[in-house]
Each structure stands twice: as structure tokens, then as C-alpha cells.
């Protein structure tokens, strides 16, 4: 049997060591003086999107560019990556993000500043519309990853996750007794912005 897989959707990740306590304190203080914006967030706070211009977050911006350089190589992209925007999210208990994608960018992602247990998975859905037309009966047990219709990614403090901006995703409700803090971002190729 010959077996090849085409049209894969790659989700990248990297664990980094940054001062998350400093970031958490700064983001919480920011949320106290700024009402933020309403996008896909429900029962939570979403900052304005110029976070990458605030000096205290420069170490995170630097790490994002490091992983994006690696992704650019993997994806055979030319024209350097440009960080289009970046923002903070606070999801208190019950807070979540509705299904969405990120138009006008190439890659999007999240960095976890504070992620208590049960604070909500990042859920990414099967992007091929045709795959939703047939729901075959499967054998018992866990099928291989290439047959999954959704993936639930655990939030891990200090982890960066990057995915194609066209990939539908959501954040499950925070079922912990503490806040979850994350940073979202969008990258695009130079010349497309």
C-alpha cells in the first residue's frame, strides 16, 4: 500500500521561559484602567491590540519572532514576518471565546501567561468543509490524529501555540476558580499589511 497525506493543517508550539508573574501583574493592572474591547470574548476582558508596542512585553515579542522565523522556514515563506497586532485576554471563571478565525493575517496564536487547571482548552476544528459532509461510523478506541474532527489543546503557562489564521477555533469556558490570562497575536508577511 502506498500512503501519502496531503493538505495537512500544522499547529506549532514552543515552551519558553519568561517572567509570567510580571506579565500577569501588568495585564491585570491594564484591565483595571481600560475597558478593553468586545470581540469573541464573553464574560472576559480583551485589551486593545497594540500590546506589542508596550516595552514591558518586548521579551515576549522577541520570542514570537524566534518561533515565527522557524515557522517561516517550515512553511517555505519568503518576505519576513510582521507582527500585525497583539492583545491580552483575561477569562475569569465562566469566561470563554466564541468560534472565530483571524482575517487579514497568515498565522495567529496564543501565549499562556496564567493557565490554572480546568481554565478551558483551545479547540481547533477540522478546516475542510467537505470532511463534514460524511460522518462515518468508526471503530472503538481513539482514531489517529489525521482522522480527528477537532483537537483540544491544553493551556500551559509559558507555551506559545501558532496556527494558520484561517483555522476556526474557540476557547472553552474557564471552569477553574481563578482567572486565565493569555496573549493573542497575528503575523503577516511583509508587504501584505
Protein backbone atom coordinates (compact mmCIF):
# COMPACT_ATOMS: atom_id res chain seq x y z
CA UNK A 1 0.00 0.00 0.00
CA UNK A 2 1.19 3.50 -0.83
CA UNK A 3 0.17 6.10 1.75
CA UNK A 4 0.69 9.85 1.48
CA UNK A 5 -1.07 12.64 3.34
CA UNK A 6 -1.88 15.91 1.61
CA UNK A 7 -3.45 19.16 2.78
CA UNK A 8 -2.29 18.88 6.40
CA UNK A 9 -3.01 21.60 8.92
CA UNK A 10 0.00 22.16 11.13
CA UNK A 11 -0.25 23.64 14.62
CA UNK A 12 3.10 24.73 16.06
CA UNK A 13 4.11 25.07 19.69
CA UNK A 14 7.06 26.09 21.81
CA UNK A 15 7.64 26.40 25.56
CA UNK A 16 9.57 29.48 26.66
CA UNK A 17 10.78 30.89 29.96
CA UNK A 18 9.54 34.44 30.54
CA UNK A 19 8.50 36.47 33.59
CA UNK A 20 4.83 35.49 33.59
CA UNK A 21 4.23 36.98 37.03
CA UNK A 22 5.35 40.38 35.73
CA UNK A 23 3.17 39.96 32.64
CA UNK A 24 0.15 38.89 34.74
CA UNK A 25 0.50 41.89 37.06
CA UNK A 26 0.82 44.30 34.12
CA UNK A 27 -2.17 42.83 32.30
CA UNK A 28 -4.42 42.85 35.37
CA UNK A 29 -3.48 46.49 36.09
CA UNK A 30 -4.13 47.37 32.43
CA UNK A 31 -7.60 45.80 32.66
CA UNK A 32 -8.42 47.97 35.69
CA UNK A 33 -7.83 51.23 33.81
CA UNK A 34 -9.02 50.25 30.31
CA UNK A 35 -12.45 48.78 29.47
CA UNK A 36 -10.94 46.88 26.54
CA UNK A 37 -12.94 45.76 23.51
CA UNK A 38 -15.64 43.20 22.74
CA UNK A 39 -14.75 40.69 20.05
CA UNK A 40 -15.24 36.95 20.53
CA UNK A 41 -14.73 37.20 24.28
CA UNK A 42 -17.67 36.53 26.60
CA UNK A 43 -17.59 37.33 30.32
CA UNK A 44 -13.95 38.33 29.98
CA UNK A 45 -11.61 41.18 29.08
CA UNK A 46 -9.89 41.72 25.70
CA UNK A 47 -7.34 44.54 25.55
CA UNK A 48 -6.80 46.87 22.65
CA UNK A 49 -4.42 45.43 20.05
CA UNK A 50 -1.23 47.48 20.35
CA UNK A 51 0.27 45.37 23.16
CA UNK A 52 3.42 44.64 21.11
CA UNK A 53 4.34 48.34 21.39
CA UNK A 54 4.44 48.29 25.22
CA UNK A 55 8.09 47.90 26.34
CA UNK A 56 7.46 45.51 29.26
CA UNK A 57 6.19 42.88 26.79
CA UNK A 58 9.23 43.10 24.48
CA UNK A 59 10.69 39.76 25.74
CA UNK A 60 7.50 38.03 24.57
CA UNK A 61 7.61 39.84 21.22
CA UNK A 62 11.22 38.65 20.79
CA UNK A 63 10.20 35.02 21.45
CA UNK A 64 7.32 35.31 19.00
CA UNK A 65 9.70 36.42 16.26
CA UNK A 66 12.02 33.50 17.05
CA UNK A 67 9.25 30.92 16.62
CA UNK A 68 7.89 32.72 13.55
CA UNK A 69 11.31 32.58 11.88
CA UNK A 70 11.24 28.80 12.39
CA UNK A 71 7.69 28.58 11.04
CA UNK A 72 8.63 30.72 8.03
CA UNK A 73 11.34 28.15 7.23
CA UNK A 74 8.95 25.20 7.69
CA UNK A 75 6.29 26.83 5.51
CA UNK A 76 8.70 27.87 2.73
CA UNK A 77 7.79 31.53 3.11
CA UNK A 78 9.80 34.48 1.89
CA UNK A 79 9.26 38.14 2.88
CA UNK A 80 9.91 38.49 6.59
CA UNK A 81 7.17 38.06 9.21
CA UNK A 82 5.46 41.19 10.52
CA UNK A 83 3.64 41.26 13.86
CA UNK A 84 0.35 42.86 12.90
CA UNK A 85 -1.22 43.08 16.34
CA UNK A 86 -1.13 41.58 19.82
CA UNK A 87 -3.56 41.74 22.73
CA UNK A 88 -4.19 40.39 26.22
CA UNK A 89 -7.15 38.28 27.33
CA UNK A 90 -8.44 37.68 30.83
CA UNK A 91 -11.04 34.95 31.20
CA UNK A 92 -12.42 34.78 34.73
CA UNK A 93 -14.43 31.74 35.84
CA UNK A 94 -17.12 31.27 33.18
CA UNK A 95 -15.26 33.37 30.61
CA UNK A 96 -14.78 31.96 27.10
CA UNK A 97 -14.24 32.88 23.44
CA UNK A 98 -16.75 32.06 20.71
CA UNK A 99 -15.68 30.26 17.50
CA UNK A 100 -13.74 32.55 15.19
CA UNK A 101 -10.82 32.93 12.82
CA UNK A 102 -8.39 35.81 12.22
CA UNK A 103 -8.84 37.50 8.83
CA UNK A 104 -6.14 39.63 7.17
CA UNK A 105 -3.23 37.66 8.63
CA UNK A 106 -1.30 34.49 7.84
CA UNK A 107 -0.57 32.97 11.25
CA UNK A 108 -2.25 33.56 14.59
CA UNK A 109 -1.50 32.28 18.02
CA UNK A 110 -1.66 32.44 21.75
CA UNK A 111 0.81 32.64 24.63
CA UNK A 112 -0.31 31.44 28.05
CA UNK A 113 0.62 33.77 30.91
CA UNK A 114 -1.58 32.15 33.56
CA UNK A 115 -3.48 28.92 32.96
CA UNK A 116 -4.92 27.20 36.03
CA UNK A 117 -6.17 23.62 35.71
CA UNK A 118 -9.62 23.46 34.05
CA UNK A 119 -9.35 27.01 32.68
CA UNK A 120 -10.50 25.96 29.19
CA UNK A 121 -8.96 24.23 26.18
CA UNK A 122 -8.12 25.90 22.90
CA UNK A 123 -10.31 23.93 20.48
CA UNK A 124 -9.39 23.85 16.77
CA UNK A 125 -11.85 22.42 14.27
CA UNK A 126 -11.46 20.38 11.08
CA UNK A 127 -10.98 23.05 8.38
CA UNK A 128 -12.01 21.02 5.32
CA UNK A 129 -15.69 21.66 4.73
CA UNK A 130 -16.04 18.54 2.62
CA UNK A 131 -14.98 16.37 5.55
CA UNK A 132 -18.13 17.43 7.40
CA UNK A 133 -20.38 16.02 4.67
CA UNK A 134 -19.90 12.42 5.82
CA UNK A 135 -19.62 11.24 9.41
CA UNK A 136 -18.64 7.57 9.09
CA UNK A 137 -19.01 5.14 11.94
CA UNK A 138 -15.59 4.49 13.47
CA UNK A 139 -14.14 1.50 15.30
CA UNK A 140 -13.96 1.72 19.08
CA UNK A 141 -10.89 3.39 20.51
CA UNK A 142 -9.07 6.59 19.72
CA UNK A 143 -8.54 7.15 15.98
CA UNK A 144 -5.21 8.50 14.69
CA UNK A 145 -4.78 12.29 14.70
CA UNK A 146 -5.29 12.65 10.96
CA UNK A 147 -8.91 11.50 11.43
CA UNK A 148 -9.81 13.87 14.29
CA UNK A 149 -12.57 16.42 13.62
CA UNK A 150 -11.39 18.71 16.42
CA UNK A 151 -8.39 18.96 18.68
CA UNK A 152 -8.43 20.23 22.27
CA UNK A 153 -5.14 21.82 23.26
CA UNK A 154 -4.33 22.25 26.93
CA UNK A 155 -3.32 25.75 28.03
CA UNK A 156 0.17 25.53 29.54
CA UNK A 157 1.84 28.51 31.18
CA UNK A 158 4.83 29.61 29.11
CA UNK A 159 3.64 27.89 25.93
CA UNK A 160 3.24 29.56 22.54
CA UNK A 161 0.81 27.95 20.09
CA UNK A 162 0.68 29.11 16.45
CA UNK A 163 -1.77 28.04 13.76
CA UNK A 164 -2.94 29.22 10.32
CA UNK A 165 -5.18 32.28 10.72
CA UNK A 166 -7.95 30.62 8.68
CA UNK A 167 -8.34 27.78 11.20
CA UNK A 168 -11.62 28.01 13.13
CA UNK A 169 -11.04 27.86 16.87
CA UNK A 170 -12.61 28.72 20.21
CA UNK A 171 -11.72 28.80 23.89
CA UNK A 172 -13.82 26.69 26.23
CA UNK A 173 -15.29 28.27 29.39
CA UNK A 174 -12.93 28.69 32.30
CA UNK A 175 -14.15 26.17 34.87
CA UNK A 176 -11.44 26.92 37.42
CA UNK A 177 -11.79 29.26 40.40
CA UNK A 178 -9.13 31.65 39.10
CA UNK A 179 -8.52 33.87 36.10
CA UNK A 180 -6.86 32.64 32.94
CA UNK A 181 -4.54 35.14 31.21
CA UNK A 182 -3.36 34.75 27.64
CA UNK A 183 -1.88 36.88 24.89
CA UNK A 184 -3.08 36.54 21.29
CA UNK A 185 -1.31 37.76 18.16
CA UNK A 186 -1.38 37.83 14.36
CA UNK A 187 1.52 37.67 11.90
CA UNK A 188 1.55 38.51 8.22
CA UNK A 189 4.21 38.59 5.52
CA UNK A 190 5.90 41.92 4.86
CA UNK A 191 4.13 43.66 2.01
CA UNK A 192 0.68 42.22 2.78
CA UNK A 193 -0.18 44.62 5.61
